[in-house]
């Protein structure tokens, strides 16, 4: 079971990730409106996708770190922390 501190940190990480994703989407729309050719529009979309991926990876890194701290990974106490290093996240970053 997650501790209250871990839950609060995970909620904060999720909120920050959501905010970063929204900022990326809005910036993409601005960049697309300013763009004069399809290449610039495609670059705006790629930039947005990269920012969304980075936000998602930061969120997962924070959640993994919180779980490791909660379960005592690295101290030899508690349960070991296993992490999935494959690209199984929603955006396959």
PDB file of N, CA and C in Angstrom:
ATOM      1  N   UNK A   1       0.833  -1.179   0.000  1.00  0.00           N
ATOM      2  CA  UNK A   1       0.000   0.000   0.000  1.00  0.00           C
ATOM      3  C   UNK A   1       0.882   1.248   0.000  1.00  0.00           C
ATOM      4  N   UNK A   2       0.488   2.226  -0.783  1.00  0.00           N
ATOM      5  CA  UNK A   2       1.258   3.450  -0.885  1.00  0.00           C
ATOM      6  C   UNK A   2       1.094   4.316   0.356  1.00  0.00           C
ATOM      7  N   UNK A   3       2.182   4.969   0.732  1.00  0.00           N
ATOM      8  CA  UNK A   3       2.093   5.898   1.841  1.00  0.00           C
ATOM      9  C   UNK A   3       1.453   7.190   1.345  1.00  0.00           C
ATOM     10  N   UNK A   4       0.972   7.979   2.275  1.00  0.00           N
ATOM     11  CA  UNK A   4       0.338   9.236   1.922  1.00  0.00           C
ATOM     12  C   UNK A   4       1.317  10.159   1.202  1.00  0.00           C
ATOM     13  N   UNK A   5       2.555  10.176   1.648  1.00  0.00           N
ATOM     14  CA  UNK A   5       3.583  11.022   1.035  1.00  0.00           C
ATOM     15  C   UNK A   5       3.849  10.583  -0.413  1.00  0.00           C
ATOM     16  N   UNK A   6       3.915   9.266  -0.620  1.00  0.00           N
ATOM     17  CA  UNK A   6       4.146   8.730  -1.958  1.00  0.00           C
ATOM     18  C   UNK A   6       2.975   9.066  -2.878  1.00  0.00           C
ATOM     19  N   UNK A   7       1.751   8.902  -2.368  1.00  0.00           N
ATOM     20  CA  UNK A   7       0.569   9.218  -3.168  1.00  0.00           C
ATOM     21  C   UNK A   7       0.556  10.693  -3.557  1.00  0.00           C
ATOM     22  N   UNK A   8       0.853  11.554  -2.589  1.00  0.00           N
ATOM     23  CA  UNK A   8       0.849  12.999  -2.860  1.00  0.00           C
ATOM     24  C   UNK A   8       1.899  13.351  -3.916  1.00  0.00           C
ATOM     25  N   UNK A   9       3.054  12.745  -3.820  1.00  0.00           N
ATOM     26  CA  UNK A   9       4.108  13.011  -4.793  1.00  0.00           C
ATOM     27  C   UNK A   9       3.718  12.490  -6.178  1.00  0.00           C
ATOM     28  N   UNK A  10       3.075  11.335  -6.220  1.00  0.00           N
ATOM     29  CA  UNK A  10       2.636  10.777  -7.505  1.00  0.00           C
ATOM     30  C   UNK A  10       1.545  11.643  -8.134  1.00  0.00           C
ATOM     31  N   UNK A  11       0.635  12.157  -7.316  1.00  0.00           N
ATOM     32  CA  UNK A  11      -0.420  13.034  -7.824  1.00  0.00           C
ATOM     33  C   UNK A  11       0.200  14.316  -8.370  1.00  0.00           C
ATOM     34  N   UNK A  12       1.166  14.858  -7.646  1.00  0.00           N
ATOM     35  CA  UNK A  12       1.847  16.073  -8.103  1.00  0.00           C
ATOM     36  C   UNK A  12       2.587  15.822  -9.418  1.00  0.00           C
ATOM     37  N   UNK A  13       3.251  14.675  -9.529  1.00  0.00           N
ATOM     38  CA  UNK A  13       3.966  14.340 -10.764  1.00  0.00           C
ATOM     39  C   UNK A  13       2.993  14.198 -11.930  1.00  0.00           C
ATOM     40  N   UNK A  14       1.850  13.591 -11.667  1.00  0.00           N
ATOM     41  CA  UNK A  14       0.850  13.417 -12.708  1.00  0.00           C
ATOM     42  C   UNK A  14       0.270  14.769 -13.134  1.00  0.00           C
ATOM     43  N   UNK A  15       0.014  15.636 -12.167  1.00  0.00           N
ATOM     44  CA  UNK A  15      -0.517  16.963 -12.479  1.00  0.00           C
ATOM     45  C   UNK A  15       0.489  17.780 -13.290  1.00  0.00           C
ATOM     46  N   UNK A  16       1.748  17.715 -12.895  1.00  0.00           N
ATOM     47  CA  UNK A  16       2.784  18.448 -13.617  1.00  0.00           C
ATOM     48  C   UNK A  16       2.902  17.912 -15.041  1.00  0.00           C
ATOM     49  N   UNK A  17       2.844  16.594 -15.188  1.00  0.00           N
ATOM     50  CA  UNK A  17       2.915  15.983 -16.507  1.00  0.00           C
ATOM     51  C   UNK A  17       1.749  16.455 -17.380  1.00  0.00           C
ATOM     52  N   UNK A  18       0.569  16.474 -16.813  1.00  0.00           N
ATOM     53  CA  UNK A  18      -0.611  16.933 -17.554  1.00  0.00           C
ATOM     54  C   UNK A  18      -0.476  18.381 -17.988  1.00  0.00           C
ATOM     55  N   UNK A  19       0.072  19.203 -17.101  1.00  0.00           N
ATOM     56  CA  UNK A  19       0.260  20.605 -17.421  1.00  0.00           C
ATOM     57  C   UNK A  19       1.277  20.776 -18.553  1.00  0.00           C
ATOM     58  N   UNK A  20       2.359  20.006 -18.489  1.00  0.00           N
ATOM     59  CA  UNK A  20       3.375  20.079 -19.542  1.00  0.00           C
ATOM     60  C   UNK A  20       2.817  19.609 -20.881  1.00  0.00           C
ATOM     61  N   UNK A  21       1.981  18.579 -20.855  1.00  0.00           N
ATOM     62  CA  UNK A  21       1.368  18.080 -22.091  1.00  0.00           C
ATOM     63  C   UNK A  21       0.442  19.139 -22.693  1.00  0.00           C
ATOM     64  N   UNK A  22      -0.312  19.817 -21.833  1.00  0.00           N
ATOM     65  CA  UNK A  22      -1.212  20.865 -22.309  1.00  0.00           C
ATOM     66  C   UNK A  22      -0.423  22.020 -22.903  1.00  0.00           C
ATOM     67  N   UNK A  23       0.654  22.410 -22.227  1.00  0.00           N
ATOM     68  CA  UNK A  23       1.500  23.487 -22.762  1.00  0.00           C
ATOM     69  C   UNK A  23       2.067  23.107 -24.121  1.00  0.00           C
ATOM     70  N   UNK A  24       2.489  21.855 -24.272  1.00  0.00           N
ATOM     71  CA  UNK A  24       3.043  21.391 -25.539  1.00  0.00           C
ATOM     72  C   UNK A  24       1.997  21.454 -26.648  1.00  0.00           C
ATOM     73  N   UNK A  25       0.778  21.064 -26.334  1.00  0.00           N
ATOM     74  CA  UNK A  25      -0.299  21.075 -27.320  1.00  0.00           C
ATOM     75  C   UNK A  25      -0.639  22.498 -27.748  1.00  0.00           C
ATOM     76  N   UNK A  26      -0.719  23.402 -26.778  1.00  0.00           N
ATOM     77  CA  UNK A  26      -1.024  24.801 -27.092  1.00  0.00           C
ATOM     78  C   UNK A  26       0.102  25.412 -27.923  1.00  0.00           C
ATOM     79  N   UNK A  27       1.352  25.127 -27.546  1.00  0.00           N
ATOM     80  CA  UNK A  27       2.484  25.663 -28.299  1.00  0.00           C
ATOM     81  C   UNK A  27       2.485  25.126 -29.729  1.00  0.00           C
ATOM     82  N   UNK A  28       2.096  23.856 -29.893  1.00  0.00           N
ATOM     83  CA  UNK A  28       2.013  23.295 -31.240  1.00  0.00           C
ATOM     84  C   UNK A  28       0.992  24.063 -32.072  1.00  0.00           C
ATOM     85  N   UNK A  29      -0.143  24.381 -31.487  1.00  0.00           N
ATOM     86  CA  UNK A  29      -1.182  25.116 -32.216  1.00  0.00           C
ATOM     87  C   UNK A  29      -0.682  26.502 -32.628  1.00  0.00           C
ATOM     88  N   UNK A  30       0.033  27.168 -31.716  1.00  0.00           N
ATOM     89  CA  UNK A  30       0.600  28.482 -32.031  1.00  0.00           C
ATOM     90  C   UNK A  30       1.615  28.353 -33.158  1.00  0.00           C
ATOM     91  N   UNK A  31       2.507  27.373 -33.046  1.00  0.00           N
ATOM     92  CA  UNK A  31       3.531  27.171 -34.070  1.00  0.00           C
ATOM     93  C   UNK A  31       2.912  26.842 -35.427  1.00  0.00           C
ATOM     94  N   UNK A  32       1.831  26.064 -35.415  1.00  0.00           N
ATOM     95  CA  UNK A  32       1.177  25.715 -36.682  1.00  0.00           C
ATOM     96  C   UNK A  32       0.515  26.940 -37.306  1.00  0.00           C
ATOM     97  N   UNK A  33      -0.039  27.824 -36.467  1.00  0.00           N
ATOM     98  CA  UNK A  33      -0.659  29.037 -37.010  1.00  0.00           C
ATOM     99  C   UNK A  33       0.391  29.969 -37.614  1.00  0.00           C
ATOM    100  N   UNK A  34       1.580  29.986 -37.031  1.00  0.00           N
ATOM    101  CA  UNK A  34       2.652  30.835 -37.534  1.00  0.00           C
ATOM    102  C   UNK A  34       3.350  30.229 -38.750  1.00  0.00           C
ATOM    103  N   UNK A  35       3.233  28.918 -38.911  1.00  0.00           N
ATOM    104  CA  UNK A  35       3.955  28.213 -39.974  1.00  0.00           C
ATOM    105  C   UNK A  35       3.407  28.583 -41.349  1.00  0.00           C
ATOM    106  N   UNK A  36       4.329  28.642 -42.302  1.00  0.00           N
ATOM    107  CA  UNK A  36       3.945  28.978 -43.674  1.00  0.00           C
ATOM    108  C   UNK A  36       3.946  27.775 -44.605  1.00  0.00           C
ATOM    109  N   UNK A  37       4.611  26.712 -44.208  1.00  0.00           N
ATOM    110  CA  UNK A  37       4.646  25.544 -45.088  1.00  0.00           C
ATOM    111  C   UNK A  37       4.437  24.266 -44.281  1.00  0.00           C
ATOM    112  N   UNK A  38       4.112  23.178 -44.967  1.00  0.00           N
ATOM    113  CA  UNK A  38       3.815  21.910 -44.290  1.00  0.00           C
ATOM    114  C   UNK A  38       4.990  21.364 -43.469  1.00  0.00           C
ATOM    115  N   UNK A  39       6.210  21.663 -43.888  1.00  0.00           N
ATOM    116  CA  UNK A  39       7.381  21.167 -43.148  1.00  0.00           C
ATOM    117  C   UNK A  39       7.437  21.780 -41.755  1.00  0.00           C
ATOM    118  N   UNK A  40       7.171  23.090 -41.676  1.00  0.00           N
ATOM    119  CA  UNK A  40       7.171  23.757 -40.376  1.00  0.00           C
ATOM    120  C   UNK A  40       6.054  23.217 -39.484  1.00  0.00           C
ATOM    121  N   UNK A  41       4.922  22.908 -40.097  1.00  0.00           N
ATOM    122  CA  UNK A  41       3.803  22.343 -39.332  1.00  0.00           C
ATOM    123  C   UNK A  41       4.155  20.950 -38.810  1.00  0.00           C
ATOM    124  N   UNK A  42       4.825  20.171 -39.639  1.00  0.00           N
ATOM    125  CA  UNK A  42       5.247  18.829 -39.215  1.00  0.00           C
ATOM    126  C   UNK A  42       6.279  18.926 -38.092  1.00  0.00           C
ATOM    127  N   UNK A  43       7.167  19.909 -38.185  1.00  0.00           N
ATOM    128  CA  UNK A  43       8.171  20.101 -37.133  1.00  0.00           C
ATOM    129  C   UNK A  43       7.500  20.490 -35.814  1.00  0.00           C
ATOM    130  N   UNK A  44       6.439  21.285 -35.887  1.00  0.00           N
ATOM    131  CA  UNK A  44       5.707  21.676 -34.683  1.00  0.00           C
ATOM    132  C   UNK A  44       5.079  20.453 -34.020  1.00  0.00           C
ATOM    133  N   UNK A  45       4.541  19.557 -34.833  1.00  0.00           N
ATOM    134  CA  UNK A  45       3.941  18.335 -34.292  1.00  0.00           C
ATOM    135  C   UNK A  45       5.002  17.437 -33.667  1.00  0.00           C
ATOM    136  N   UNK A  46       6.150  17.306 -34.334  1.00  0.00           N
ATOM    137  CA  UNK A  46       7.243  16.491 -33.782  1.00  0.00           C
ATOM    138  C   UNK A  46       7.736  17.058 -32.454  1.00  0.00           C
ATOM    139  N   UNK A  47       7.847  18.369 -32.393  1.00  0.00           N
ATOM    140  CA  UNK A  47       8.294  19.015 -31.157  1.00  0.00           C
ATOM    141  C   UNK A  47       7.300  18.743 -30.026  1.00  0.00           C
ATOM    142  N   UNK A  48       6.006  18.842 -30.352  1.00  0.00           N
ATOM    143  CA  UNK A  48       4.962  18.558 -29.353  1.00  0.00           C
ATOM    144  C   UNK A  48       5.063  17.116 -28.876  1.00  0.00           C
ATOM    145  N   UNK A  49       5.209  16.190 -29.801  1.00  0.00           N
ATOM    146  CA  UNK A  49       5.298  14.778 -29.431  1.00  0.00           C
ATOM    147  C   UNK A  49       6.505  14.526 -28.526  1.00  0.00           C
ATOM    148  N   UNK A  50       7.612  15.185 -28.819  1.00  0.00           N
ATOM    149  CA  UNK A  50       8.805  15.043 -27.987  1.00  0.00           C
ATOM    150  C   UNK A  50       8.587  15.587 -26.577  1.00  0.00           C
ATOM    151  N   UNK A  51       7.922  16.733 -26.481  1.00  0.00           N
ATOM    152  CA  UNK A  51       7.659  17.322 -25.165  1.00  0.00           C
ATOM    153  C   UNK A  51       6.690  16.463 -24.359  1.00  0.00           C
ATOM    154  N   UNK A  52       5.696  15.898 -25.026  1.00  0.00           N
ATOM    155  CA  UNK A  52       4.745  15.020 -24.340  1.00  0.00           C
ATOM    156  C   UNK A  52       5.465  13.765 -23.839  1.00  0.00           C
ATOM    157  N   UNK A  53       6.309  13.213 -24.674  1.00  0.00           N
ATOM    158  CA  UNK A  53       7.070  12.019 -24.303  1.00  0.00           C
ATOM    159  C   UNK A  53       7.963  12.313 -23.103  1.00  0.00           C
ATOM    160  N   UNK A  54       8.641  13.456 -23.133  1.00  0.00           N
ATOM    161  CA  UNK A  54       9.517  13.837 -22.026  1.00  0.00           C
ATOM    162  C   UNK A  54       8.731  14.010 -20.724  1.00  0.00           C
ATOM    163  N   UNK A  55       7.563  14.629 -20.813  1.00  0.00           N
ATOM    164  CA  UNK A  55       6.724  14.813 -19.624  1.00  0.00           C
ATOM    165  C   UNK A  55       6.286  13.461 -19.054  1.00  0.00           C
ATOM    166  N   UNK A  56       5.924  12.556 -19.935  1.00  0.00           N
ATOM    167  CA  UNK A  56       5.490  11.220 -19.498  1.00  0.00           C
ATOM    168  C   UNK A  56       6.643  10.451 -18.863  1.00  0.00           C
ATOM    169  N   UNK A  57       7.826  10.550 -19.457  1.00  0.00           N
ATOM    170  CA  UNK A  57       8.991   9.858 -18.893  1.00  0.00           C
ATOM    171  C   UNK A  57       9.362  10.435 -17.526  1.00  0.00           C
ATOM    172  N   UNK A  58       9.284  11.765 -17.387  1.00  0.00           N
ATOM    173  CA  UNK A  58       9.570  12.383 -16.096  1.00  0.00           C
ATOM    174  C   UNK A  58       8.581  11.916 -15.030  1.00  0.00           C
ATOM    175  N   UNK A  59       7.306  11.809 -15.416  1.00  0.00           N
ATOM    176  CA  UNK A  59       6.281  11.345 -14.475  1.00  0.00           C
ATOM    177  C   UNK A  59       6.587   9.922 -14.023  1.00  0.00           C
ATOM    178  N   UNK A  60       6.899   9.054 -14.979  1.00  0.00           N
ATOM    179  CA  UNK A  60       7.179   7.659 -14.630  1.00  0.00           C
ATOM    180  C   UNK A  60       8.456   7.532 -13.807  1.00  0.00           C
ATOM    181  N   UNK A  61       9.445   8.353 -14.106  1.00  0.00           N
ATOM    182  CA  UNK A  61      10.689   8.322 -13.323  1.00  0.00           C
ATOM    183  C   UNK A  61      10.414   8.733 -11.877  1.00  0.00           C
ATOM    184  N   UNK A  62       9.598   9.755 -11.692  1.00  0.00           N
ATOM    185  CA  UNK A  62       9.247  10.197 -10.343  1.00  0.00           C
ATOM    186  C   UNK A  62       8.469   9.114  -9.603  1.00  0.00           C
ATOM    187  N   UNK A  63       7.519   8.502 -10.284  1.00  0.00           N
ATOM    188  CA  UNK A  63       6.730   7.447  -9.643  1.00  0.00           C
ATOM    189  C   UNK A  63       7.599   6.239  -9.303  1.00  0.00           C
ATOM    190  N   UNK A  64       8.520   5.890 -10.187  1.00  0.00           N
ATOM    191  CA  UNK A  64       9.434   4.773  -9.906  1.00  0.00           C
ATOM    192  C   UNK A  64      10.332   5.092  -8.715  1.00  0.00           C
ATOM    193  N   UNK A  65      10.826   6.329  -8.678  1.00  0.00           N
ATOM    194  CA  UNK A  65      11.680   6.745  -7.568  1.00  0.00           C
ATOM    195  C   UNK A  65      10.902   6.728  -6.242  1.00  0.00           C
ATOM    196  N   UNK A  66       9.648   7.186  -6.282  1.00  0.00           N
ATOM    197  CA  UNK A  66       8.818   7.163  -5.073  1.00  0.00           C
ATOM    198  C   UNK A  66       8.578   5.739  -4.589  1.00  0.00           C
ATOM    199  N   UNK A  67       8.306   4.849  -5.533  1.00  0.00           N
ATOM    200  CA  UNK A  67       8.076   3.452  -5.162  1.00  0.00           C
ATOM    201  C   UNK A  67       9.343   2.838  -4.575  1.00  0.00           C
ATOM    202  N   UNK A  68      10.484   3.165  -5.164  1.00  0.00           N
ATOM    203  CA  UNK A  68      11.751   2.623  -4.666  1.00  0.00           C
ATOM    204  C   UNK A  68      12.029   3.124  -3.250  1.00  0.00           C
ATOM    205  N   UNK A  69      11.774   4.401  -3.018  1.00  0.00           N
ATOM    206  CA  UNK A  69      11.988   4.947  -1.679  1.00  0.00           C
ATOM    207  C   UNK A  69      11.033   4.317  -0.667  1.00  0.00           C
ATOM    208  N   UNK A  70       9.785   4.139  -1.090  1.00  0.00           N
ATOM    209  CA  UNK A  70       8.779   3.566  -0.195  1.00  0.00           C
ATOM    210  C   UNK A  70       9.087   2.115   0.153  1.00  0.00           C
ATOM    211  N   UNK A  71       9.576   1.373  -0.819  1.00  0.00           N
ATOM    212  CA  UNK A  71       9.817  -0.056  -0.608  1.00  0.00           C
ATOM    213  C   UNK A  71      11.237  -0.353  -0.152  1.00  0.00           C
ATOM    214  N   UNK A  72      12.033   0.667   0.058  1.00  0.00           N
ATOM    215  CA  UNK A  72      13.367   0.472   0.612  1.00  0.00           C
ATOM    216  C   UNK A  72      14.371  -0.082  -0.369  1.00  0.00           C
ATOM    217  N   UNK A  73      14.194   0.167  -1.644  1.00  0.00           N
ATOM    218  CA  UNK A  73      15.158  -0.322  -2.630  1.00  0.00           C
ATOM    219  C   UNK A  73      16.502   0.358  -2.404  1.00  0.00           C
ATOM    220  N   UNK A  74      17.552  -0.391  -2.534  1.00  0.00           N
ATOM    221  CA  UNK A  74      18.881   0.145  -2.367  1.00  0.00           C
ATOM    222  C   UNK A  74      19.380   0.060  -0.933  1.00  0.00           C
ATOM    223  N   UNK A  75      18.496  -0.200   0.011  1.00  0.00           N
ATOM    224  CA  UNK A  75      18.919  -0.278   1.403  1.00  0.00           C
ATOM    225  C   UNK A  75      19.030  -1.722   1.860  1.00  0.00           C
ATOM    226  N   UNK A  76      18.545  -2.623   1.040  1.00  0.00           N
ATOM    227  CA  UNK A  76      18.571  -4.032   1.415  1.00  0.00           C
ATOM    228  C   UNK A  76      17.383  -4.417   2.288  1.00  0.00           C
ATOM    229  N   UNK A  77      16.530  -3.471   2.585  1.00  0.00           N
ATOM    230  CA  UNK A  77      15.359  -3.741   3.426  1.00  0.00           C
ATOM    231  C   UNK A  77      14.105  -3.716   2.565  1.00  0.00           C
ATOM    232  N   UNK A  78      13.105  -4.414   2.970  1.00  0.00           N
ATOM    233  CA  UNK A  78      11.827  -4.397   2.265  1.00  0.00           C
ATOM    234  C   UNK A  78      11.859  -5.196   0.982  1.00  0.00           C
ATOM    235  N   UNK A  79      10.843  -4.987   0.186  1.00  0.00           N
ATOM    236  CA  UNK A  79      10.737  -5.704  -1.075  1.00  0.00           C
ATOM    237  C   UNK A  79      11.638  -5.074  -2.119  1.00  0.00           C
ATOM    238  N   UNK A  80      12.158  -5.877  -3.051  1.00  0.00           N
ATOM    239  CA  UNK A  80      12.956  -5.296  -4.124  1.00  0.00           C
ATOM    240  C   UNK A  80      12.062  -4.523  -5.091  1.00  0.00           C
ATOM    241  N   UNK A  81      12.612  -3.548  -5.734  1.00  0.00           N
ATOM    242  CA  UNK A  81      11.867  -2.763  -6.721  1.00  0.00           C
ATOM    243  C   UNK A  81      12.282  -3.218  -8.113  1.00  0.00           C
ATOM    244  N   UNK A  82      11.305  -3.659  -8.891  1.00  0.00           N
ATOM    245  CA  UNK A  82      11.562  -4.080 -10.257  1.00  0.00           C
ATOM    246  C   UNK A  82      11.010  -3.018 -11.185  1.00  0.00           C
ATOM    247  N   UNK A  83      11.766  -2.690 -12.215  1.00  0.00           N
ATOM    248  CA  UNK A  83      11.271  -1.686 -13.129  1.00  0.00           C
ATOM    249  C   UNK A  83      11.258  -2.247 -14.534  1.00  0.00           C
ATOM    250  N   UNK A  84      10.272  -1.850 -15.286  1.00  0.00           N
ATOM    251  CA  UNK A  84      10.129  -2.279 -16.668  1.00  0.00           C
ATOM    252  C   UNK A  84      10.857  -1.272 -17.539  1.00  0.00           C
ATOM    253  N   UNK A  85      11.946  -1.681 -18.151  1.00  0.00           N
ATOM    254  CA  UNK A  85      12.733  -0.761 -18.964  1.00  0.00           C
ATOM    255  C   UNK A  85      12.331  -0.796 -20.427  1.00  0.00           C
ATOM    256  N   UNK A  86      11.300  -1.539 -20.767  1.00  0.00           N
ATOM    257  CA  UNK A  86      10.833  -1.548 -22.148  1.00  0.00           C
ATOM    258  C   UNK A  86       9.983  -0.315 -22.377  1.00  0.00           C
ATOM    259  N   UNK A  87       9.585  -0.116 -23.626  1.00  0.00           N
ATOM    260  CA  UNK A  87       8.791   1.066 -23.962  1.00  0.00           C
ATOM    261  C   UNK A  87       7.314   0.736 -23.883  1.00  0.00           C
ATOM    262  N   UNK A  88       6.853   0.344 -22.719  1.00  0.00           N
ATOM    263  CA  UNK A  88       5.454  -0.011 -22.555  1.00  0.00           C
ATOM    264  C   UNK A  88       4.585   1.140 -22.098  1.00  0.00           C
ATOM    265  N   UNK A  89       5.111   2.351 -22.154  1.00  0.00           N
ATOM    266  CA  UNK A  89       4.331   3.508 -21.741  1.00  0.00           C
ATOM    267  C   UNK A  89       3.385   3.919 -22.874  1.00  0.00           C
ATOM    268  N   UNK A  90       2.317   4.666 -22.557  1.00  0.00           N
ATOM    269  CA  UNK A  90       1.298   4.967 -23.547  1.00  0.00           C
ATOM    270  C   UNK A  90       1.798   5.570 -24.856  1.00  0.00           C
ATOM    271  N   UNK A  91       2.818   6.409 -24.802  1.00  0.00           N
ATOM    272  CA  UNK A  91       3.280   7.057 -26.020  1.00  0.00           C
ATOM    273  C   UNK A  91       4.497   6.371 -26.625  1.00  0.00           C
ATOM    274  N   UNK A  92       4.924   5.256 -26.028  1.00  0.00           N
ATOM    275  CA  UNK A  92       6.095   4.513 -26.499  1.00  0.00           C
ATOM    276  C   UNK A  92       7.293   5.433 -26.726  1.00  0.00           C
ATOM    277  N   UNK A  93       7.635   6.161 -25.706  1.00  0.00           N
ATOM    278  CA  UNK A  93       8.741   7.125 -25.784  1.00  0.00           C
ATOM    279  C   UNK A  93      10.061   6.414 -25.852  1.00  0.00           C
TER     280      UNK A  93
END
